[in-house]
Amino acid sequence: MNDVDNKKVKDLIHSIGLMNNLVDKDVKEIIESQFRFAYKTIRELNFEGLTDEEIDNLRTNFYFKYIGKIYTDSEIIKRSLKRDEIVKQKYIEKNEKRD
């Protein structure tokens, strides 16, 4: 976001706070909490050893007002796990070179 967009967001947060008798910090916390909840919930799920069908049946759909549905499925999970494994392997190789 550029400076103009940041200013618009701050102004919107401030106006929401004024309407609800809340300080800007509290409004921002309320807005961000739903995204932290979704992130934490997905991170806490253990996908290892699950079949594609089992992953797809997990409750990994989140609905955000004005944004819509955010979800994950077996293909997204596979790519994420593969990426994590590559990052771990590169980290291990990098540290082995230092020794």
C-alpha atoms as a PDB file:
ATOM      1  CA  MET A   1       0.000   0.000   0.000  1.00  0.00           C
ATOM      2  CA  ASN A   2       1.134   3.496  -0.675  1.00  0.00           C
ATOM      3  CA  ASP A   3       0.979   6.458   1.713  1.00  0.00           C
ATOM      4  CA  VAL A   4      -2.432   7.578   0.455  1.00  0.00           C
ATOM      5  CA  ASP A   5      -3.928   4.120   1.061  1.00  0.00           C
ATOM      6  CA  ASN A   6      -2.347   3.939   4.513  1.00  0.00           C
ATOM      7  CA  LYS A   7      -3.875   7.310   5.383  1.00  0.00           C
ATOM      8  CA  LYS A   8      -7.305   6.117   4.187  1.00  0.00           C
ATOM      9  CA  VAL A   9      -7.046   2.986   6.342  1.00  0.00           C
ATOM     10  CA  LYS A  10      -6.014   5.000   9.399  1.00  0.00           C
ATOM     11  CA  ASP A  11      -8.885   7.428   8.831  1.00  0.00           C
ATOM     12  CA  LEU A  12     -11.349   4.555   8.473  1.00  0.00           C
ATOM     13  CA  ILE A  13     -10.082   2.891  11.654  1.00  0.00           C
ATOM     14  CA  HIS A  14     -10.376   6.222  13.467  1.00  0.00           C
ATOM     15  CA  SER A  15     -13.943   6.817  12.264  1.00  0.00           C
ATOM     16  CA  ILE A  16     -14.976   3.283  13.319  1.00  0.00           C
ATOM     17  CA  GLY A  17     -13.466   3.980  16.722  1.00  0.00           C
ATOM     18  CA  LEU A  18     -15.354   7.250  17.067  1.00  0.00           C
ATOM     19  CA  MET A  19     -18.660   5.577  16.165  1.00  0.00           C
ATOM     20  CA  ASN A  20     -18.096   2.807  18.724  1.00  0.00           C
ATOM     21  CA  ASN A  21     -16.321   4.794  21.446  1.00  0.00           C
ATOM     22  CA  LEU A  22     -13.075   2.841  20.991  1.00  0.00           C
ATOM     23  CA  VAL A  23      -9.483   3.968  20.621  1.00  0.00           C
ATOM     24  CA  ASP A  24      -7.729   3.310  17.309  1.00  0.00           C
ATOM     25  CA  LYS A  25      -5.508   0.623  18.841  1.00  0.00           C
ATOM     26  CA  ASP A  26      -8.551  -1.392  19.976  1.00  0.00           C
ATOM     27  CA  VAL A  27     -10.272  -1.109  16.588  1.00  0.00           C
ATOM     28  CA  LYS A  28      -7.130  -2.290  14.805  1.00  0.00           C
ATOM     29  CA  GLU A  29      -6.837  -5.226  17.237  1.00  0.00           C
ATOM     30  CA  ILE A  30     -10.457  -6.244  16.594  1.00  0.00           C
ATOM     31  CA  ILE A  31      -9.979  -6.078  12.826  1.00  0.00           C
ATOM     32  CA  GLU A  32      -6.713  -8.029  12.836  1.00  0.00           C
ATOM     33  CA  SER A  33      -7.843 -10.653  15.371  1.00  0.00           C
ATOM     34  CA  GLN A  34      -9.972 -12.543  12.854  1.00  0.00           C
ATOM     35  CA  PHE A  35      -7.004 -12.986  10.530  1.00  0.00           C
ATOM     36  CA  ARG A  36      -4.731 -14.085  13.385  1.00  0.00           C
ATOM     37  CA  PHE A  37      -7.384 -16.623  14.398  1.00  0.00           C
ATOM     38  CA  ALA A  38      -7.534 -18.112  10.891  1.00  0.00           C
ATOM     39  CA  TYR A  39      -3.721 -18.218  10.622  1.00  0.00           C
ATOM     40  CA  LYS A  40      -3.331 -19.843  14.041  1.00  0.00           C
ATOM     41  CA  THR A  41      -6.103 -22.375  13.373  1.00  0.00           C
ATOM     42  CA  ILE A  42      -4.609 -23.520  10.076  1.00  0.00           C
ATOM     43  CA  ARG A  43      -1.078 -23.654  11.543  1.00  0.00           C
ATOM     44  CA  GLU A  44      -2.277 -25.855  14.414  1.00  0.00           C
ATOM     45  CA  LEU A  45      -3.755 -28.487  12.095  1.00  0.00           C
ATOM     46  CA  ASN A  46      -1.558 -31.534  11.548  1.00  0.00           C
ATOM     47  CA  PHE A  47      -1.745 -32.491   7.865  1.00  0.00           C
ATOM     48  CA  GLU A  48       0.997 -35.086   7.824  1.00  0.00           C
ATOM     49  CA  GLY A  49      -0.230 -38.600   7.120  1.00  0.00           C
ATOM     50  CA  LEU A  50      -3.684 -37.435   5.989  1.00  0.00           C
ATOM     51  CA  THR A  51      -5.130 -38.369   2.621  1.00  0.00           C
ATOM     52  CA  ASP A  52      -6.309 -35.700   0.190  1.00  0.00           C
ATOM     53  CA  GLU A  53      -9.918 -36.500   1.048  1.00  0.00           C
ATOM     54  CA  GLU A  54      -9.271 -36.181   4.794  1.00  0.00           C
ATOM     55  CA  ILE A  55      -7.566 -32.818   4.275  1.00  0.00           C
ATOM     56  CA  ASP A  56     -10.448 -31.566   2.144  1.00  0.00           C
ATOM     57  CA  ASN A  57     -12.922 -32.613   4.866  1.00  0.00           C
ATOM     58  CA  LEU A  58     -11.158 -30.614   7.584  1.00  0.00           C
ATOM     59  CA  ARG A  59     -12.791 -27.361   8.617  1.00  0.00           C
ATOM     60  CA  THR A  60     -10.471 -24.938   6.883  1.00  0.00           C
ATOM     61  CA  ASN A  61     -12.970 -22.434   5.521  1.00  0.00           C
ATOM     62  CA  PHE A  62     -13.143 -18.951   6.964  1.00  0.00           C
ATOM     63  CA  TYR A  63     -15.683 -16.288   6.044  1.00  0.00           C
ATOM     64  CA  PHE A  64     -14.708 -12.651   6.420  1.00  0.00           C
ATOM     65  CA  LYS A  65     -17.292  -9.932   6.126  1.00  0.00           C
ATOM     66  CA  TYR A  66     -16.737  -7.806   3.006  1.00  0.00           C
ATOM     67  CA  ILE A  67     -13.857 -10.037   1.857  1.00  0.00           C
ATOM     68  CA  GLY A  68     -15.455 -13.395   1.316  1.00  0.00           C
ATOM     69  CA  LYS A  69     -14.366 -16.961   1.816  1.00  0.00           C
ATOM     70  CA  ILE A  70     -10.782 -17.930   2.516  1.00  0.00           C
ATOM     71  CA  TYR A  71     -10.010 -21.627   2.401  1.00  0.00           C
ATOM     72  CA  THR A  72      -7.335 -24.231   1.997  1.00  0.00           C
ATOM     73  CA  ASP A  73      -7.477 -27.601   0.274  1.00  0.00           C
ATOM     74  CA  SER A  74      -5.241 -30.618  -0.268  1.00  0.00           C
ATOM     75  CA  GLU A  75      -3.379 -29.100  -3.239  1.00  0.00           C
ATOM     76  CA  ILE A  76      -2.537 -25.938  -1.306  1.00  0.00           C
ATOM     77  CA  ILE A  77      -1.413 -28.003   1.688  1.00  0.00           C
ATOM     78  CA  LYS A  78       0.807 -30.225  -0.489  1.00  0.00           C
ATOM     79  CA  ARG A  79       2.522 -27.196  -2.036  1.00  0.00           C
ATOM     80  CA  SER A  80       2.999 -25.623   1.385  1.00  0.00           C
ATOM     81  CA  LEU A  81       4.455 -28.797   2.913  1.00  0.00           C
ATOM     82  CA  LYS A  82       6.765 -29.239  -0.075  1.00  0.00           C
ATOM     83  CA  ARG A  83       7.920 -25.619   0.187  1.00  0.00           C
ATOM     84  CA  ASP A  84       8.529 -26.024   3.925  1.00  0.00           C
ATOM     85  CA  GLU A  85      10.588 -29.161   3.287  1.00  0.00           C
ATOM     86  CA  ILE A  86      12.705 -27.374   0.666  1.00  0.00           C
ATOM     87  CA  VAL A  87      13.339 -24.474   3.049  1.00  0.00           C
ATOM     88  CA  LYS A  88      14.330 -26.863   5.855  1.00  0.00           C
ATOM     89  CA  GLN A  89      16.671 -28.768   3.530  1.00  0.00           C
ATOM     90  CA  LYS A  90      18.360 -25.558   2.353  1.00  0.00           C
ATOM     91  CA  TYR A  91      18.761 -24.446   5.960  1.00  0.00           C
ATOM     92  CA  ILE A  92      20.374 -27.769   6.885  1.00  0.00           C
ATOM     93  CA  GLU A  93      22.717 -27.642   3.856  1.00  0.00           C
ATOM     94  CA  LYS A  94      23.708 -24.059   4.638  1.00  0.00           C
ATOM     95  CA  ASN A  95      24.544 -24.929   8.246  1.00  0.00           C
ATOM     96  CA  GLU A  96      26.499 -28.047   7.206  1.00  0.00           C
ATOM     97  CA  LYS A  97      28.719 -25.905   4.972  1.00  0.00           C
ATOM     98  CA  ARG A  98      29.573 -23.681   7.950  1.00  0.00           C
ATOM     99  CA  ASP A  99      30.840 -26.646   9.987  1.00  0.00           C
END
